[in-house]
N, C-alpha and C. Protein backbone atom coordinates (compact mmCIF):
# COMPACT_ATOMS: atom_id res chain seq x y z
N MET A 1 121.61 83.53 176.48
CA MET A 1 120.72 84.69 176.53
C MET A 1 120.58 85.33 175.14
N GLY A 2 121.70 85.47 174.45
CA GLY A 2 121.66 86.09 173.13
C GLY A 2 120.90 85.26 172.12
N ILE A 3 121.00 83.93 172.25
CA ILE A 3 120.30 83.04 171.32
C ILE A 3 118.79 83.14 171.54
N ILE A 4 118.37 83.17 172.81
CA ILE A 4 116.94 83.28 173.11
C ILE A 4 116.40 84.62 172.61
N LEU A 5 117.15 85.68 172.81
CA LEU A 5 116.72 87.00 172.36
C LEU A 5 116.61 87.04 170.85
N SER A 6 117.57 86.44 170.14
CA SER A 6 117.51 86.45 168.68
C SER A 6 116.35 85.61 168.17
N LEU A 7 116.01 84.53 168.86
CA LEU A 7 114.86 83.73 168.46
C LEU A 7 113.56 84.49 168.67
N ARG A 8 113.47 85.27 169.74
CA ARG A 8 112.27 86.06 170.01
C ARG A 8 112.14 87.22 169.02
N MET A 9 113.26 87.79 168.62
CA MET A 9 113.24 88.95 167.73
C MET A 9 113.16 88.53 166.26
N ASN A 10 113.21 87.23 165.99
CA ASN A 10 113.26 86.74 164.62
C ASN A 10 112.00 87.11 163.84
N PHE A 11 110.84 87.23 164.53
CA PHE A 11 109.61 87.56 163.81
C PHE A 11 109.66 88.95 163.20
N LEU A 12 110.50 89.82 163.72
CA LEU A 12 110.60 91.18 163.18
C LEU A 12 111.16 91.17 161.76
N PHE A 13 111.91 90.13 161.41
CA PHE A 13 112.55 90.08 160.10
C PHE A 13 111.77 89.21 159.13
N HIS A 14 110.60 88.73 159.55
CA HIS A 14 109.76 87.94 158.66
C HIS A 14 109.16 88.86 157.60
N HIS A 15 108.96 88.33 156.40
CA HIS A 15 108.52 89.17 155.27
C HIS A 15 107.14 89.79 155.52
N LYS A 16 106.20 89.00 156.03
CA LYS A 16 104.85 89.53 156.28
C LYS A 16 104.87 90.59 157.38
N THR A 17 105.68 90.36 158.40
CA THR A 17 105.78 91.33 159.49
C THR A 17 106.38 92.63 158.98
N LYS A 18 107.37 92.51 158.10
CA LYS A 18 108.01 93.70 157.54
C LYS A 18 107.00 94.51 156.72
N ARG A 19 106.17 93.81 155.94
CA ARG A 19 105.14 94.51 155.15
C ARG A 19 104.12 95.16 156.07
N MET A 20 103.76 94.49 157.17
CA MET A 20 102.79 95.05 158.10
C MET A 20 103.34 96.30 158.79
N ILE A 21 104.62 96.24 159.18
CA ILE A 21 105.24 97.41 159.82
C ILE A 21 105.29 98.57 158.83
N ASN A 22 105.61 98.30 157.56
CA ASN A 22 105.63 99.35 156.55
C ASN A 22 104.24 99.95 156.36
N ALA A 23 103.21 99.11 156.38
CA ALA A 23 101.84 99.61 156.22
C ALA A 23 101.45 100.49 157.40
N VAL A 24 101.82 100.07 158.61
CA VAL A 24 101.49 100.87 159.79
C VAL A 24 102.22 102.20 159.74
N TRP A 25 103.50 102.20 159.36
CA TRP A 25 104.25 103.45 159.27
C TRP A 25 103.66 104.37 158.19
N THR A 26 103.17 103.80 157.10
CA THR A 26 102.54 104.60 156.05
C THR A 26 101.29 105.28 156.57
N VAL A 27 100.46 104.55 157.30
CA VAL A 27 99.23 105.13 157.86
C VAL A 27 99.57 106.23 158.86
N VAL A 28 100.55 105.99 159.72
CA VAL A 28 100.96 107.01 160.70
C VAL A 28 101.47 108.25 159.99
N ALA A 29 102.28 108.07 158.94
CA ALA A 29 102.83 109.22 158.22
C ALA A 29 101.72 110.03 157.56
N VAL A 30 100.74 109.36 156.96
CA VAL A 30 99.64 110.07 156.32
C VAL A 30 98.82 110.84 157.35
N LEU A 31 98.56 110.23 158.49
CA LEU A 31 97.80 110.93 159.55
C LEU A 31 98.55 112.15 160.07
N VAL A 32 99.87 112.03 160.22
CA VAL A 32 100.67 113.17 160.67
C VAL A 32 100.65 114.28 159.63
N ILE A 33 100.78 113.93 158.36
CA ILE A 33 100.78 114.94 157.30
C ILE A 33 99.43 115.66 157.25
N VAL A 34 98.33 114.90 157.30
CA VAL A 34 97.00 115.52 157.28
C VAL A 34 96.80 116.40 158.50
N GLY A 35 97.24 115.93 159.66
CA GLY A 35 97.13 116.73 160.88
C GLY A 35 97.92 118.02 160.80
N MET A 36 99.12 117.96 160.25
CA MET A 36 99.93 119.16 160.13
C MET A 36 99.32 120.15 159.15
N VAL A 37 98.78 119.64 158.05
CA VAL A 37 98.15 120.53 157.07
C VAL A 37 96.95 121.23 157.70
N LEU A 38 96.12 120.47 158.42
CA LEU A 38 94.94 121.08 159.05
C LEU A 38 95.32 122.05 160.16
N PHE A 39 96.41 121.75 160.88
CA PHE A 39 96.82 122.60 161.99
C PHE A 39 97.49 123.88 161.50
N PHE A 40 98.31 123.80 160.48
CA PHE A 40 99.09 124.96 160.04
C PHE A 40 98.42 125.76 158.92
N ALA A 41 97.26 125.31 158.43
CA ALA A 41 96.53 126.08 157.43
C ALA A 41 95.20 126.52 158.04
N PRO A 42 95.19 127.68 158.72
CA PRO A 42 94.01 128.08 159.49
C PRO A 42 92.77 128.32 158.61
N GLY A 43 92.92 128.76 157.39
CA GLY A 43 91.74 129.04 156.57
C GLY A 43 91.17 127.80 155.90
N LEU A 44 91.88 126.71 155.98
CA LEU A 44 91.46 125.50 155.27
C LEU A 44 90.20 124.91 155.89
N LEU A 45 90.09 124.92 157.20
CA LEU A 45 88.92 124.35 157.87
C LEU A 45 87.66 125.14 157.54
N SER A 46 87.76 126.47 157.45
CA SER A 46 86.59 127.27 157.11
C SER A 46 86.17 127.02 155.66
N LEU A 47 87.12 126.76 154.79
CA LEU A 47 86.79 126.45 153.39
C LEU A 47 86.06 125.11 153.29
N LEU A 48 86.47 124.16 154.14
CA LEU A 48 85.84 122.84 154.12
C LEU A 48 84.50 122.85 154.83
N GLY A 49 84.23 123.85 155.62
CA GLY A 49 82.96 123.96 156.33
C GLY A 49 82.91 123.12 157.59
N VAL A 50 84.07 122.86 158.17
CA VAL A 50 84.11 122.05 159.41
C VAL A 50 84.06 122.96 160.61
């Protein structure tokens, strides 16, 4: 059972997969930061004209 699980999970440690996961996490982090800035800065949206 452990050998089958490790073979299935092996793709997570592949170099391209690792880069893809890092890219996805970067996009998520940027979206969260932009969302927090827009949510916690009430006058910012009126300055942008949205």
